[in-house]
Amino acid sequence: MGYDKYLICVLGMGLVTYLPRWLPLALLPQRDIPQTLKEWLGFIPATILSALVAPDIFLNSIGDFHILQARFLAAIPTIIFALKTRSLGGTVIVGMFIYWLTNKLI
């Protein structure tokens, strides 16, 4: 298989990644966005992150709901730490340590 197909694939992926970010900036700079829409758009990053993380925390490897597993048990103190400190770096370090610890204990 030639490298030209890989190049076309990479360029295509870059295009579909770049266009949705560029189009609103190019088409909407003079328009005022309503405050309610701005507030609603502010929830999207947290929603996407939750949708990505929640299945891994609550489901086991075969897809059954199972809360007594290391991922779920590590998530509880990690979330509490994150809410109290608001530190992304600290939360990542604490979460990794607690996950490592729960894997050793369970």
C-alpha atoms as a PDB file:
ATOM      1  CA  MET A   1       0.000   0.000   0.000  1.00  0.00           C
ATOM      2  CA  GLY A   2       1.429   3.350  -0.993  1.00  0.00           C
ATOM      3  CA  TYR A   3       2.130   6.269   1.256  1.00  0.00           C
ATOM      4  CA  ASP A   4      -0.181   8.449  -0.834  1.00  0.00           C
ATOM      5  CA  LYS A   5      -3.238   6.772   0.679  1.00  0.00           C
ATOM      6  CA  TYR A   6      -1.921   7.477   4.180  1.00  0.00           C
ATOM      7  CA  LEU A   7      -1.255  11.094   3.261  1.00  0.00           C
ATOM      8  CA  ILE A   8      -4.781  11.510   1.879  1.00  0.00           C
ATOM      9  CA  CYS A   9      -6.190   9.903   5.037  1.00  0.00           C
ATOM     10  CA  VAL A  10      -4.203  12.188   7.345  1.00  0.00           C
ATOM     11  CA  LEU A  11      -5.124  15.291   5.338  1.00  0.00           C
ATOM     12  CA  GLY A  12      -8.788  14.261   5.367  1.00  0.00           C
ATOM     13  CA  MET A  13      -8.742  13.726   9.126  1.00  0.00           C
ATOM     14  CA  GLY A  14      -7.102  17.099   9.598  1.00  0.00           C
ATOM     15  CA  LEU A  15      -9.746  18.746   7.432  1.00  0.00           C
ATOM     16  CA  VAL A  16     -12.697  17.255   9.291  1.00  0.00           C
ATOM     17  CA  THR A  17     -11.048  18.204  12.594  1.00  0.00           C
ATOM     18  CA  TYR A  18     -10.206  21.757  11.567  1.00  0.00           C
ATOM     19  CA  LEU A  19     -13.379  22.758   9.690  1.00  0.00           C
ATOM     20  CA  PRO A  20     -15.849  22.508  12.603  1.00  0.00           C
ATOM     21  CA  ARG A  21     -13.559  24.756  14.630  1.00  0.00           C
ATOM     22  CA  TRP A  22     -12.848  27.262  11.906  1.00  0.00           C
ATOM     23  CA  LEU A  23     -16.334  27.683  10.407  1.00  0.00           C
ATOM     24  CA  PRO A  24     -17.985  29.272  13.474  1.00  0.00           C
ATOM     25  CA  LEU A  25     -15.054  31.659  13.866  1.00  0.00           C
ATOM     26  CA  ALA A  26     -15.228  32.626  10.209  1.00  0.00           C
ATOM     27  CA  LEU A  27     -19.002  32.910   9.920  1.00  0.00           C
ATOM     28  CA  LEU A  28     -20.089  34.295  13.306  1.00  0.00           C
ATOM     29  CA  PRO A  29     -17.601  36.964  14.453  1.00  0.00           C
ATOM     30  CA  GLN A  30     -20.011  39.905  13.989  1.00  0.00           C
ATOM     31  CA  ARG A  31     -23.071  38.185  15.447  1.00  0.00           C
ATOM     32  CA  ASP A  32     -24.027  38.351  19.084  1.00  0.00           C
ATOM     33  CA  ILE A  33     -24.693  34.977  20.653  1.00  0.00           C
ATOM     34  CA  PRO A  34     -27.491  34.976  23.242  1.00  0.00           C
ATOM     35  CA  GLN A  35     -26.339  34.550  26.839  1.00  0.00           C
ATOM     36  CA  THR A  36     -28.491  31.433  27.329  1.00  0.00           C
ATOM     37  CA  LEU A  37     -26.795  29.759  24.353  1.00  0.00           C
ATOM     38  CA  LYS A  38     -23.356  30.677  25.737  1.00  0.00           C
ATOM     39  CA  GLU A  39     -24.275  29.144  29.098  1.00  0.00           C
ATOM     40  CA  TRP A  40     -25.644  26.013  27.412  1.00  0.00           C
ATOM     41  CA  LEU A  41     -22.498  25.611  25.303  1.00  0.00           C
ATOM     42  CA  GLY A  42     -20.418  25.834  28.485  1.00  0.00           C
ATOM     43  CA  PHE A  43     -21.839  22.482  29.634  1.00  0.00           C
ATOM     44  CA  ILE A  44     -20.709  20.559  26.551  1.00  0.00           C
ATOM     45  CA  PRO A  45     -17.095  19.761  27.612  1.00  0.00           C
ATOM     46  CA  ALA A  46     -18.198  18.350  30.994  1.00  0.00           C
ATOM     47  CA  THR A  47     -20.968  16.369  29.323  1.00  0.00           C
ATOM     48  CA  ILE A  48     -18.632  14.812  26.777  1.00  0.00           C
ATOM     49  CA  LEU A  49     -16.068  13.933  29.436  1.00  0.00           C
ATOM     50  CA  SER A  50     -18.780  12.344  31.588  1.00  0.00           C
ATOM     51  CA  ALA A  51     -20.072  10.320  28.656  1.00  0.00           C
ATOM     52  CA  LEU A  52     -16.566   9.006  28.013  1.00  0.00           C
ATOM     53  CA  VAL A  53     -15.651   8.232  31.626  1.00  0.00           C
ATOM     54  CA  ALA A  54     -18.913   6.976  33.175  1.00  0.00           C
ATOM     55  CA  PRO A  55     -19.185   3.662  31.279  1.00  0.00           C
ATOM     56  CA  ASP A  56     -15.637   2.742  32.242  1.00  0.00           C
ATOM     57  CA  ILE A  57     -16.328   3.487  35.911  1.00  0.00           C
ATOM     58  CA  PHE A  58     -19.681   1.722  36.252  1.00  0.00           C
ATOM     59  CA  LEU A  59     -19.435  -1.219  33.837  1.00  0.00           C
ATOM     60  CA  ASN A  60     -17.180  -4.249  34.087  1.00  0.00           C
ATOM     61  CA  SER A  61     -15.301  -5.783  31.168  1.00  0.00           C
ATOM     62  CA  ILE A  62     -18.360  -7.640  29.817  1.00  0.00           C
ATOM     63  CA  GLY A  63     -20.669  -4.633  30.079  1.00  0.00           C
ATOM     64  CA  ASP A  64     -22.548  -5.474  33.276  1.00  0.00           C
ATOM     65  CA  PHE A  65     -23.209  -2.808  35.901  1.00  0.00           C
ATOM     66  CA  HIS A  66     -20.766  -3.507  38.700  1.00  0.00           C
ATOM     67  CA  ILE A  67     -19.748  -0.924  41.305  1.00  0.00           C
ATOM     68  CA  LEU A  68     -17.436  -3.011  43.500  1.00  0.00           C
ATOM     69  CA  GLN A  69     -14.452  -2.711  41.209  1.00  0.00           C
ATOM     70  CA  ALA A  70     -11.221  -0.735  41.483  1.00  0.00           C
ATOM     71  CA  ARG A  71     -12.259   1.939  38.965  1.00  0.00           C
ATOM     72  CA  PHE A  72     -15.447   2.837  40.828  1.00  0.00           C
ATOM     73  CA  LEU A  73     -13.847   2.693  44.264  1.00  0.00           C
ATOM     74  CA  ALA A  74     -11.016   4.959  43.085  1.00  0.00           C
ATOM     75  CA  ALA A  75     -13.430   7.410  41.458  1.00  0.00           C
ATOM     76  CA  ILE A  76     -15.223   8.336  44.682  1.00  0.00           C
ATOM     77  CA  PRO A  77     -12.274   9.844  46.622  1.00  0.00           C
ATOM     78  CA  THR A  78     -10.849  11.262  43.400  1.00  0.00           C
ATOM     79  CA  ILE A  79     -14.070  13.178  42.701  1.00  0.00           C
ATOM     80  CA  ILE A  80     -14.154  14.445  46.288  1.00  0.00           C
ATOM     81  CA  PHE A  81     -10.525  15.609  45.977  1.00  0.00           C
ATOM     82  CA  ALA A  82     -11.293  17.320  42.660  1.00  0.00           C
ATOM     83  CA  LEU A  83     -14.301  19.170  44.077  1.00  0.00           C
ATOM     84  CA  LYS A  84     -12.396  20.344  47.158  1.00  0.00           C
ATOM     85  CA  THR A  85      -9.153  21.434  45.485  1.00  0.00           C
ATOM     86  CA  ARG A  86     -10.162  22.277  41.880  1.00  0.00           C
ATOM     87  CA  SER A  87      -6.661  21.120  40.897  1.00  0.00           C
ATOM     88  CA  LEU A  88      -6.487  19.173  37.640  1.00  0.00           C
ATOM     89  CA  GLY A  89      -2.904  18.000  38.121  1.00  0.00           C
ATOM     90  CA  GLY A  90      -3.487  17.013  41.731  1.00  0.00           C
ATOM     91  CA  THR A  91      -6.658  15.175  40.808  1.00  0.00           C
ATOM     92  CA  VAL A  92      -4.861  13.156  38.143  1.00  0.00           C
ATOM     93  CA  ILE A  93      -2.056  12.202  40.542  1.00  0.00           C
ATOM     94  CA  VAL A  94      -4.446  11.352  43.393  1.00  0.00           C
ATOM     95  CA  GLY A  95      -6.702   9.381  41.050  1.00  0.00           C
ATOM     96  CA  MET A  96      -3.824   7.345  39.651  1.00  0.00           C
ATOM     97  CA  PHE A  97      -2.467   6.630  43.114  1.00  0.00           C
ATOM     98  CA  ILE A  98      -5.850   5.590  44.519  1.00  0.00           C
ATOM     99  CA  TYR A  99      -6.540   3.430  41.461  1.00  0.00           C
ATOM    100  CA  TRP A 100      -3.141   1.740  41.891  1.00  0.00           C
ATOM    101  CA  LEU A 101      -3.860   1.229  45.586  1.00  0.00           C
ATOM    102  CA  THR A 102      -7.333  -0.244  45.022  1.00  0.00           C
ATOM    103  CA  ASN A 103      -5.948  -2.605  42.367  1.00  0.00           C
ATOM    104  CA  LYS A 104      -3.388  -3.866  44.898  1.00  0.00           C
ATOM    105  CA  LEU A 105      -6.020  -4.340  47.611  1.00  0.00           C
ATOM    106  CA  ILE A 106      -8.804  -5.914  45.551  1.00  0.00           C
END
